[in-house]
Full PDB file with SEQRES, HELIX, SHEET, SSBOND, CRYST1, ORIGX, SCALE, CONECT and MASTER records, all heavy atoms in Angstrom:
SEQRES   1 A   34  GLU LEU PHE GLU ASP VAL VAL PRO ALA ILE ARG LYS TRP          
SEQRES   2 A   34  ARG GLU ALA GLY MET LYS VAL TYR ILE TYR SER SER GLY          
SEQRES   3 A   34  SER VAL GLU ALA GLN LYS LEU LEU                              
HELIX    1 AA1 VAL A    6  GLU A   15  1                                  10    
HELIX    2 AA2 VAL A   28  LEU A   33  1                                   6    
CRYST1    1.000    1.000    1.000  90.00  90.00  90.00 P 1           1          
ORIGX1      1.000000  0.000000  0.000000        0.00000                         
ORIGX2      0.000000  1.000000  0.000000        0.00000                         
ORIGX3      0.000000  0.000000  1.000000        0.00000                         
SCALE1      1.000000  0.000000  0.000000        0.00000                         
SCALE2      0.000000  1.000000  0.000000        0.00000                         
SCALE3      0.000000  0.000000  1.000000        0.00000                         
ATOM      1  N   GLU A   1      11.363  29.615 -17.208  1.00  0.00           N  
ATOM      2  CA  GLU A   1      11.543  28.428 -18.047  1.00  0.00           C  
ATOM      3  C   GLU A   1      11.107  27.169 -17.294  1.00  0.00           C  
ATOM      4  O   GLU A   1      11.524  26.945 -16.166  1.00  0.00           O  
ATOM      5  CB  GLU A   1      13.004  28.312 -18.484  1.00  0.00           C  
ATOM      6  CG  GLU A   1      13.453  29.493 -19.348  1.00  0.00           C  
ATOM      7  CD  GLU A   1      14.920  29.426 -19.707  1.00  0.00           C  
ATOM      8  OE1 GLU A   1      15.543  28.360 -19.479  1.00  0.00           O  
ATOM      9  OE2 GLU A   1      15.448  30.431 -20.208  1.00  0.00           O  
ATOM     10  N   LEU A   2      10.270  26.378 -17.937  1.00  0.00           N  
ATOM     11  CA  LEU A   2       9.759  25.151 -17.321  1.00  0.00           C  
ATOM     12  C   LEU A   2      10.067  23.935 -18.186  1.00  0.00           C  
ATOM     13  O   LEU A   2      10.001  24.018 -19.416  1.00  0.00           O  
ATOM     14  CB  LEU A   2       8.236  25.241 -17.144  1.00  0.00           C  
ATOM     15  CG  LEU A   2       7.705  26.415 -16.311  1.00  0.00           C  
ATOM     16  CD1 LEU A   2       6.193  26.475 -16.397  1.00  0.00           C  
ATOM     17  CD2 LEU A   2       8.135  26.261 -14.860  1.00  0.00           C  
ATOM     18  N   PHE A   3      10.404  22.824 -17.544  1.00  0.00           N  
ATOM     19  CA  PHE A   3      10.527  21.577 -18.286  1.00  0.00           C  
ATOM     20  C   PHE A   3       9.137  21.145 -18.753  1.00  0.00           C  
ATOM     21  O   PHE A   3       8.141  21.378 -18.057  1.00  0.00           O  
ATOM     22  CB  PHE A   3      11.161  20.492 -17.419  1.00  0.00           C  
ATOM     23  CG  PHE A   3      12.619  20.733 -17.132  1.00  0.00           C  
ATOM     24  CD1 PHE A   3      13.018  21.250 -15.906  1.00  0.00           C  
ATOM     25  CD2 PHE A   3      13.584  20.454 -18.085  1.00  0.00           C  
ATOM     26  CE1 PHE A   3      14.360  21.481 -15.647  1.00  0.00           C  
ATOM     27  CE2 PHE A   3      14.931  20.680 -17.829  1.00  0.00           C  
ATOM     28  CZ  PHE A   3      15.318  21.199 -16.605  1.00  0.00           C  
ATOM     29  N   GLU A   4       9.069  20.516 -19.913  1.00  0.00           N  
ATOM     30  CA  GLU A   4       7.771  20.245 -20.547  1.00  0.00           C  
ATOM     31  C   GLU A   4       6.889  19.279 -19.755  1.00  0.00           C  
ATOM     32  O   GLU A   4       5.677  19.249 -19.933  1.00  0.00           O  
ATOM     33  CB  GLU A   4       7.967  19.734 -21.972  1.00  0.00           C  
ATOM     34  CG  GLU A   4       8.713  18.422 -22.067  1.00  0.00           C  
ATOM     35  CD  GLU A   4       8.947  17.989 -23.515  1.00  0.00           C  
ATOM     36  OE1 GLU A   4       8.827  18.829 -24.423  1.00  0.00           O  
ATOM     37  OE2 GLU A   4       9.248  16.797 -23.719  1.00  0.00           O  
ATOM     38  N   ASP A   5       7.488  18.487 -18.862  1.00  0.00           N  
ATOM     39  CA  ASP A   5       6.686  17.524 -18.097  1.00  0.00           C  
ATOM     40  C   ASP A   5       6.014  18.149 -16.879  1.00  0.00           C  
ATOM     41  O   ASP A   5       5.140  17.535 -16.263  1.00  0.00           O  
ATOM     42  CB  ASP A   5       7.576  16.362 -17.621  1.00  0.00           C  
ATOM     43  CG  ASP A   5       8.766  16.841 -16.795  1.00  0.00           C  
ATOM     44  OD1 ASP A   5       9.760  17.285 -17.395  1.00  0.00           O  
ATOM     45  OD2 ASP A   5       8.691  16.801 -15.565  1.00  0.00           O  
ATOM     46  N   VAL A   6       6.389  19.387 -16.534  1.00  0.00           N  
ATOM     47  CA  VAL A   6       5.964  19.969 -15.256  1.00  0.00           C  
ATOM     48  C   VAL A   6       4.471  20.283 -15.214  1.00  0.00           C  
ATOM     49  O   VAL A   6       3.745  19.802 -14.333  1.00  0.00           O  
ATOM     50  CB  VAL A   6       6.793  21.230 -14.937  1.00  0.00           C  
ATOM     51  CG1 VAL A   6       6.209  21.977 -13.737  1.00  0.00           C  
ATOM     52  CG2 VAL A   6       8.243  20.852 -14.661  1.00  0.00           C  
ATOM     53  N   VAL A   7       3.992  21.098 -16.131  1.00  0.00           N  
ATOM     54  CA  VAL A   7       2.594  21.545 -16.077  1.00  0.00           C  
ATOM     55  C   VAL A   7       1.608  20.382 -16.217  1.00  0.00           C  
ATOM     56  O   VAL A   7       0.660  20.280 -15.417  1.00  0.00           O  
ATOM     57  CB  VAL A   7       2.317  22.646 -17.114  1.00  0.00           C  
ATOM     58  CG1 VAL A   7       0.826  22.947 -17.223  1.00  0.00           C  
ATOM     59  CG2 VAL A   7       3.078  23.919 -16.730  1.00  0.00           C  
ATOM     60  N   PRO A   8       1.783  19.466 -17.188  1.00  0.00           N  
ATOM     61  CA  PRO A   8       0.846  18.338 -17.271  1.00  0.00           C  
ATOM     62  C   PRO A   8       0.805  17.507 -15.988  1.00  0.00           C  
ATOM     63  O   PRO A   8      -0.269  17.066 -15.555  1.00  0.00           O  
ATOM     64  CB  PRO A   8       1.386  17.506 -18.444  1.00  0.00           C  
ATOM     65  CG  PRO A   8       2.142  18.476 -19.288  1.00  0.00           C  
ATOM     66  CD  PRO A   8       2.755  19.441 -18.308  1.00  0.00           C  
ATOM     67  N   ALA A   9       1.965  17.314 -15.369  1.00  0.00           N  
ATOM     68  CA  ALA A   9       2.012  16.520 -14.137  1.00  0.00           C  
ATOM     69  C   ALA A   9       1.265  17.220 -13.013  1.00  0.00           C  
ATOM     70  O   ALA A   9       0.468  16.601 -12.290  1.00  0.00           O  
ATOM     71  CB  ALA A   9       3.464  16.263 -13.733  1.00  0.00           C  
ATOM     72  N   ILE A  10       1.504  18.516 -12.856  1.00  0.00           N  
ATOM     73  CA  ILE A  10       0.837  19.246 -11.769  1.00  0.00           C  
ATOM     74  C   ILE A  10      -0.677  19.257 -11.978  1.00  0.00           C  
ATOM     75  O   ILE A  10      -1.449  19.114 -11.024  1.00  0.00           O  
ATOM     76  CB  ILE A  10       1.395  20.685 -11.661  1.00  0.00           C  
ATOM     77  CG1 ILE A  10       2.858  20.641 -11.203  1.00  0.00           C  
ATOM     78  CG2 ILE A  10       0.567  21.512 -10.680  1.00  0.00           C  
ATOM     79  CD1 ILE A  10       3.536  21.991 -11.141  1.00  0.00           C  
ATOM     80  N   ARG A  11      -1.108  19.395 -13.232  1.00  0.00           N  
ATOM     81  CA  ARG A  11      -2.556  19.366 -13.506  1.00  0.00           C  
ATOM     82  C   ARG A  11      -3.152  18.018 -13.074  1.00  0.00           C  
ATOM     83  O   ARG A  11      -4.235  17.969 -12.482  1.00  0.00           O  
ATOM     84  CB  ARG A  11      -2.823  19.624 -14.988  1.00  0.00           C  
ATOM     85  CG  ARG A  11      -2.533  21.054 -15.415  1.00  0.00           C  
ATOM     86  CD  ARG A  11      -3.130  21.346 -16.796  1.00  0.00           C  
ATOM     87  NE  ARG A  11      -2.654  22.597 -17.328  1.00  0.00           N  
ATOM     88  CZ  ARG A  11      -3.060  23.812 -16.950  1.00  0.00           C  
ATOM     89  NH1 ARG A  11      -3.983  23.916 -16.010  1.00  0.00           N  
ATOM     90  NH2 ARG A  11      -2.570  24.903 -17.504  1.00  0.00           N  
ATOM     91  N   LYS A  12      -2.443  16.927 -13.350  1.00  0.00           N  
ATOM     92  CA  LYS A  12      -2.926  15.595 -12.956  1.00  0.00           C  
ATOM     93  C   LYS A  12      -2.995  15.467 -11.436  1.00  0.00           C  
ATOM     94  O   LYS A  12      -3.952  14.905 -10.888  1.00  0.00           O  
ATOM     95  CB  LYS A  12      -2.008  14.507 -13.535  1.00  0.00           C  
ATOM     96  CG  LYS A  12      -2.241  14.238 -15.013  1.00  0.00           C  
ATOM     97  CD  LYS A  12      -1.357  13.095 -15.483  1.00  0.00           C  
ATOM     98  CE  LYS A  12      -1.575  12.814 -16.968  1.00  0.00           C  
ATOM     99  NZ  LYS A  12      -0.660  11.745 -17.455  1.00  0.00           N  
ATOM    100  N   TRP A  13      -1.966  15.974 -10.758  1.00  0.00           N  
ATOM    101  CA  TRP A  13      -1.962  15.883  -9.297  1.00  0.00           C  
ATOM    102  C   TRP A  13      -3.151  16.628  -8.717  1.00  0.00           C  
ATOM    103  O   TRP A  13      -3.812  16.151  -7.804  1.00  0.00           O  
ATOM    104  CB  TRP A  13      -0.663  16.462  -8.731  1.00  0.00           C  
ATOM    105  CG  TRP A  13       0.575  15.777  -9.212  1.00  0.00           C  
ATOM    106  CD1 TRP A  13       0.667  14.542  -9.794  1.00  0.00           C  
ATOM    107  CD2 TRP A  13       1.906  16.297  -9.161  1.00  0.00           C  
ATOM    108  NE1 TRP A  13       1.971  14.263 -10.104  1.00  0.00           N  
ATOM    109  CE2 TRP A  13       2.761  15.314  -9.731  1.00  0.00           C  
ATOM    110  CE3 TRP A  13       2.468  17.478  -8.690  1.00  0.00           C  
ATOM    111  CZ2 TRP A  13       4.132  15.503  -9.840  1.00  0.00           C  
ATOM    112  CZ3 TRP A  13       3.840  17.660  -8.795  1.00  0.00           C  
ATOM    113  CH2 TRP A  13       4.656  16.683  -9.366  1.00  0.00           C  
ATOM    114  N   ARG A  14      -3.406  17.804  -9.265  1.00  0.00           N  
ATOM    115  CA  ARG A  14      -4.511  18.616  -8.741  1.00  0.00           C  
ATOM    116  C   ARG A  14      -5.863  17.949  -9.022  1.00  0.00           C  
ATOM    117  O   ARG A  14      -6.768  17.977  -8.193  1.00  0.00           O  
ATOM    118  CB  ARG A  14      -4.450  20.029  -9.325  1.00  0.00           C  
ATOM    119  CG  ARG A  14      -3.262  20.831  -8.787  1.00  0.00           C  
ATOM    120  CD  ARG A  14      -3.218  22.218  -9.386  1.00  0.00           C  
ATOM    121  NE  ARG A  14      -4.408  22.982  -9.030  1.00  0.00           N  
ATOM    122  CZ  ARG A  14      -4.556  23.671  -7.903  1.00  0.00           C  
ATOM    123  NH1 ARG A  14      -3.594  23.700  -6.998  1.00  0.00           N  
ATOM    124  NH2 ARG A  14      -5.673  24.345  -7.654  1.00  0.00           N  
ATOM    125  N   GLU A  15      -5.977  17.342 -10.202  1.00  0.00           N  
ATOM    126  CA  GLU A  15      -7.211  16.614 -10.532  1.00  0.00           C  
ATOM    127  C   GLU A  15      -7.431  15.452  -9.580  1.00  0.00           C  
ATOM    128  O   GLU A  15      -8.570  15.061  -9.307  1.00  0.00           O  
ATOM    129  CB  GLU A  15      -7.153  16.118 -11.978  1.00  0.00           C  
ATOM    130  CG  GLU A  15      -7.330  17.230 -13.017  1.00  0.00           C  
ATOM    131  CD  GLU A  15      -6.967  16.769 -14.415  1.00  0.00           C  
ATOM    132  OE1 GLU A  15      -6.737  15.546 -14.601  1.00  0.00           O  
ATOM    133  OE2 GLU A  15      -6.896  17.619 -15.317  1.00  0.00           O  
ATOM    134  N   ALA A  16      -6.329  14.893  -9.060  1.00  0.00           N  
ATOM    135  CA  ALA A  16      -6.412  13.772  -8.120  1.00  0.00           C  
ATOM    136  C   ALA A  16      -6.642  14.246  -6.688  1.00  0.00           C  
ATOM    137  O   ALA A  16      -6.683  13.447  -5.756  1.00  0.00           O  
ATOM    138  CB  ALA A  16      -5.137  12.940  -8.194  1.00  0.00           C  
ATOM    139  N   GLY A  17      -6.796  15.571  -6.521  1.00  0.00           N  
ATOM    140  CA  GLY A  17      -7.069  16.110  -5.190  1.00  0.00           C  
ATOM    141  C   GLY A  17      -5.846  16.561  -4.414  1.00  0.00           C  
ATOM    142  O   GLY A  17      -5.949  16.918  -3.239  1.00  0.00           O  
ATOM    143  N   MET A  18      -4.676  16.517  -5.065  1.00  0.00           N  
ATOM    144  CA  MET A  18      -3.450  16.953  -4.401  1.00  0.00           C  
ATOM    145  C   MET A  18      -3.375  18.478  -4.342  1.00  0.00           C  
ATOM    146  O   MET A  18      -3.937  19.172  -5.184  1.00  0.00           O  
ATOM    147  CB  MET A  18      -2.217  16.448  -5.165  1.00  0.00           C  
ATOM    148  CG  MET A  18      -2.106  14.955  -5.242  1.00  0.00           C  
ATOM    149  SD  MET A  18      -1.747  14.277  -3.609  1.00  0.00           S  
ATOM    150  CE  MET A  18      -2.150  12.565  -3.918  1.00  0.00           C  
ATOM    151  N   LYS A  19      -2.651  18.979  -3.360  1.00  0.00           N  
ATOM    152  CA  LYS A  19      -2.317  20.393  -3.301  1.00  0.00           C  
ATOM    153  C   LYS A  19      -0.824  20.542  -3.598  1.00  0.00           C  
ATOM    154  O   LYS A  19      -0.025  19.672  -3.230  1.00  0.00           O  
ATOM    155  CB  LYS A  19      -2.668  20.987  -1.933  1.00  0.00           C  
ATOM    156  CG  LYS A  19      -4.160  21.055  -1.695  1.00  0.00           C  
ATOM    157  CD  LYS A  19      -4.489  21.832  -0.430  1.00  0.00           C  
ATOM    158  CE  LYS A  19      -6.004  21.993  -0.289  1.00  0.00           C  
ATOM    159  NZ  LYS A  19      -6.366  22.795   0.901  1.00  0.00           N  
ATOM    160  N   VAL A  20      -0.496  21.628  -4.279  1.00  0.00           N  
ATOM    161  CA  VAL A  20       0.887  21.837  -4.710  1.00  0.00           C  
ATOM    162  C   VAL A  20       1.369  23.199  -4.205  1.00  0.00           C  
ATOM    163  O   VAL A  20       0.712  24.221  -4.417  1.00  0.00           O  
ATOM    164  CB  VAL A  20       1.000  21.781  -6.251  1.00  0.00           C  
ATOM    165  CG1 VAL A  20       2.458  21.959  -6.682  1.00  0.00           C  
ATOM    166  CG2 VAL A  20       0.449  20.463  -6.779  1.00  0.00           C  
ATOM    167  N   TYR A  21       2.514  23.178  -3.526  1.00  0.00           N  
ATOM    168  CA  TYR A  21       3.096  24.406  -2.977  1.00  0.00           C  
ATOM    169  C   TYR A  21       4.527  24.566  -3.472  1.00  0.00           C  
ATOM    170  O   TYR A  21       5.213  23.587  -3.763  1.00  0.00           O  
ATOM    171  CB  TYR A  21       3.122  24.358  -1.443  1.00  0.00           C  
ATOM    172  CG  TYR A  21       1.755  24.306  -0.810  1.00  0.00           C  
ATOM    173  CD1 TYR A  21       1.081  23.088  -0.653  1.00  0.00           C  
ATOM    174  CD2 TYR A  21       1.117  25.463  -0.357  1.00  0.00           C  
ATOM    175  CE1 TYR A  21      -0.176  23.025  -0.068  1.00  0.00           C  
ATOM    176  CE2 TYR A  21      -0.141  25.413   0.232  1.00  0.00           C  
ATOM    177  CZ  TYR A  21      -0.782  24.190   0.371  1.00  0.00           C  
ATOM    178  OH  TYR A  21      -2.026  24.139   0.947  1.00  0.00           O  
ATOM    179  N   ILE A  22       4.969  25.812  -3.541  1.00  0.00           N  
ATOM    180  CA  ILE A  22       6.355  26.108  -3.885  1.00  0.00           C  
ATOM    181  C   ILE A  22       7.086  26.558  -2.625  1.00  0.00           C  
ATOM    182  O   ILE A  22       6.575  27.385  -1.869  1.00  0.00           O  
ATOM    183  CB  ILE A  22       6.444  27.233  -4.947  1.00  0.00           C  
ATOM    184  CG1 ILE A  22       5.711  26.839  -6.229  1.00  0.00           C  
ATOM    185  CG2 ILE A  22       7.913  27.567  -5.240  1.00  0.00           C  
ATOM    186  CD1 ILE A  22       6.318  25.667  -6.970  1.00  0.00           C  
ATOM    187  N   TYR A  23       8.280  26.008  -2.404  1.00  0.00           N  
ATOM    188  CA  TYR A  23       9.153  26.458  -1.315  1.00  0.00           C  
ATOM    189  C   TYR A  23      10.506  26.747  -1.937  1.00  0.00           C  
ATOM    190  O   TYR A  23      11.130  25.853  -2.510  1.00  0.00           O  
ATOM    191  CB  TYR A  23       9.252  25.374  -0.239  1.00  0.00           C  
ATOM    192  CG  TYR A  23      10.167  25.690   0.920  1.00  0.00           C  
ATOM    193  CD1 TYR A  23      10.397  26.994   1.354  1.00  0.00           C  
ATOM    194  CD2 TYR A  23      10.796  24.656   1.618  1.00  0.00           C  
ATOM    195  CE1 TYR A  23      11.227  27.257   2.427  1.00  0.00           C  
ATOM    196  CE2 TYR A  23      11.614  24.907   2.706  1.00  0.00           C  
ATOM    197  CZ  TYR A  23      11.826  26.209   3.111  1.00  0.00           C  
ATOM    198  OH  TYR A  23      12.651  26.462   4.180  1.00  0.00           O  
ATOM    199  N   SER A  24      10.947  28.002  -1.863  1.00  0.00           N  
ATOM    200  CA  SER A  24      12.173  28.402  -2.549  1.00  0.00           C  
ATOM    201  C   SER A  24      12.959  29.396  -1.710  1.00  0.00           C  
ATOM    202  O   SER A  24      12.396  30.141  -0.906  1.00  0.00           O  
ATOM    203  CB  SER A  24      11.826  29.047  -3.900  1.00  0.00           C  
ATOM    204  OG  SER A  24      12.985  29.576  -4.525  1.00  0.00           O  
ATOM    205  N   SER A  25      14.273  29.412  -1.905  1.00  0.00           N  
ATOM    206  CA  SER A  25      15.086  30.454  -1.264  1.00  0.00           C  
ATOM    207  C   SER A  25      14.862  31.794  -1.954  1.00  0.00           C  
ATOM    208  O   SER A  25      15.184  32.845  -1.408  1.00  0.00           O  
ATOM    209  CB  SER A  25      16.568  30.069  -1.282  1.00  0.00           C  
ATOM    210  OG  SER A  25      16.992  29.790  -2.592  1.00  0.00           O  
ATOM    211  N   GLY A  26      14.312  31.769  -3.173  1.00  0.00           N  
ATOM    212  CA  GLY A  26      13.887  33.003  -3.825  1.00  0.00           C  
ATOM    213  C   GLY A  26      12.605  33.502  -3.178  1.00  0.00           C  
ATOM    214  O   GLY A  26      11.798  32.711  -2.682  1.00  0.00           O  
ATOM    215  N   SER A  27      12.416  34.815  -3.143  1.00  0.00           N  
ATOM    216  CA  SER A  27      11.260  35.390  -2.461  1.00  0.00           C  
ATOM    217  C   SER A  27       9.956  34.928  -3.090  1.00  0.00           C  
ATOM    218  O   SER A  27       9.910  34.526  -4.254  1.00  0.00           O  
ATOM    219  CB  SER A  27      11.331  36.920  -2.509  1.00  0.00           C  
ATOM    220  OG  SER A  27      11.131  37.382  -3.837  1.00  0.00           O  
ATOM    221  N   VAL A  28       8.872  35.026  -2.319  1.00  0.00           N  
ATOM    222  CA  VAL A  28       7.548  34.693  -2.841  1.00  0.00           C  
ATOM    223  C   VAL A  28       7.239  35.566  -4.060  1.00  0.00           C  
ATOM    224  O   VAL A  28       6.690  35.081  -5.054  1.00  0.00           O  
ATOM    225  CB  VAL A  28       6.475  34.878  -1.747  1.00  0.00           C  
ATOM    226  CG1 VAL A  28       5.069  34.824  -2.351  1.00  0.00           C  
ATOM    227  CG2 VAL A  28       6.619  33.799  -0.676  1.00  0.00           C  
ATOM    228  N   GLU A  29       7.613  36.841  -3.999  1.00  0.00           N  
ATOM    229  CA  GLU A  29       7.380  37.726  -5.148  1.00  0.00           C  
ATOM    230  C   GLU A  29       8.108  37.204  -6.392  1.00  0.00           C  
ATOM    231  O   GLU A  29       7.533  37.160  -7.483  1.00  0.00           O  
ATOM    232  CB  GLU A  29       7.838  39.149  -4.843  1.00  0.00           C  
ATOM    233  CG  GLU A  29       7.570  40.117  -5.995  1.00  0.00           C  
ATOM    234  CD  GLU A  29       8.063  41.527  -5.736  1.00  0.00           C  
ATOM    235  OE1 GLU A  29       8.913  41.718  -4.851  1.00  0.00           O  
ATOM    236  OE2 GLU A  29       7.601  42.430  -6.442  1.00  0.00           O  
ATOM    237  N   ALA A  30       9.371  36.792  -6.233  1.00  0.00           N  
ATOM    238  CA  ALA A  30      10.140  36.276  -7.366  1.00  0.00           C  
ATOM    239  C   ALA A  30       9.516  34.991  -7.910  1.00  0.00           C  
ATOM    240  O   ALA A  30       9.479  34.766  -9.126  1.00  0.00           O  
ATOM    241  CB  ALA A  30      11.589  36.027  -6.947  1.00  0.00           C  
ATOM    242  N   GLN A  31       9.011  34.139  -7.018  1.00  0.00           N  
ATOM    243  CA  GLN A  31       8.343  32.907  -7.453  1.00  0.00           C  
ATOM    244  C   GLN A  31       7.118  33.227  -8.305  1.00  0.00           C  
ATOM    245  O   GLN A  31       6.899  32.633  -9.365  1.00  0.00           O  
ATOM    246  CB  GLN A  31       7.887  32.093  -6.243  1.00  0.00           C  
ATOM    247  CG  GLN A  31       8.989  31.580  -5.344  1.00  0.00           C  
ATOM    248  CD  GLN A  31       8.411  30.960  -4.086  1.00  0.00           C  
ATOM    249  OE1 GLN A  31       7.388  30.290  -4.122  1.00  0.00           O  
ATOM    250  NE2 GLN A  31       9.047  31.188  -2.947  1.00  0.00           N  
ATOM    251  N   LYS A  32       6.313  34.167  -7.830  1.00  0.00           N  
ATOM    252  CA  LYS A  32       5.079  34.501  -8.534  1.00  0.00           C  
ATOM    253  C   LYS A  32       5.364  35.123  -9.900  1.00  0.00           C  
ATOM    254  O   LYS A  32       4.607  34.925 -10.853  1.00  0.00           O  
ATOM    255  CB  LYS A  32       4.222  35.430  -7.675  1.00  0.00           C  
ATOM    256  CG  LYS A  32       3.616  34.712  -6.473  1.00  0.00           C  
ATOM    257  CD  LYS A  32       2.716  35.616  -5.654  1.00  0.00           C  
ATOM    258  CE  LYS A  32       2.044  34.836  -4.526  1.00  0.00           C  
ATOM    259  NZ  LYS A  32       1.173  35.694  -3.696  1.00  0.00           N  
ATOM    260  N   LEU A  33       6.468  35.844 -10.005  1.00  0.00           N  
ATOM    261  CA  LEU A  33       6.858  36.394 -11.305  1.00  0.00           C  
ATOM    262  C   LEU A  33       7.250  35.273 -12.262  1.00  0.00           C  
ATOM    263  O   LEU A  33       6.835  35.248 -13.420  1.00  0.00           O  
ATOM    264  CB  LEU A  33       8.028  37.373 -11.139  1.00  0.00           C  
ATOM    265  CG  LEU A  33       7.701  38.717 -10.496  1.00  0.00           C  
ATOM    266  CD1 LEU A  33       8.985  39.469 -10.154  1.00  0.00           C  
ATOM    267  CD2 LEU A  33       6.826  39.555 -11.412  1.00  0.00           C  
ATOM    268  N   LEU A  34       8.044  34.326 -11.755  1.00  0.00           N  
ATOM    269  CA  LEU A  34       8.509  33.218 -12.603  1.00  0.00           C  
ATOM    270  C   LEU A  34       7.328  32.418 -13.154  1.00  0.00           C  
ATOM    271  O   LEU A  34       7.273  32.107 -14.341  1.00  0.00           O  
ATOM    272  CB  LEU A  34       9.458  32.330 -11.798  1.00  0.00           C  
ATOM    273  CG  LEU A  34      10.262  31.281 -12.575  1.00  0.00           C  
ATOM    274  CD1 LEU A  34      11.528  30.935 -11.806  1.00  0.00           C  
ATOM    275  CD2 LEU A  34       9.462  30.009 -12.828  1.00  0.00           C  
TER     276      LEU A  34                                                      
MASTER        0    0    0    2    0    0    0    6  275    1    0    3          
END                                                                             
């Protein structure tokens, strides 16, 4: 489940040349599933 502002914002950041990473106490596998 994602808040509606998340994906549009990340797309804008990436278009501006930003890199986006996830850091979570959940495993990398669990992150990729989500």
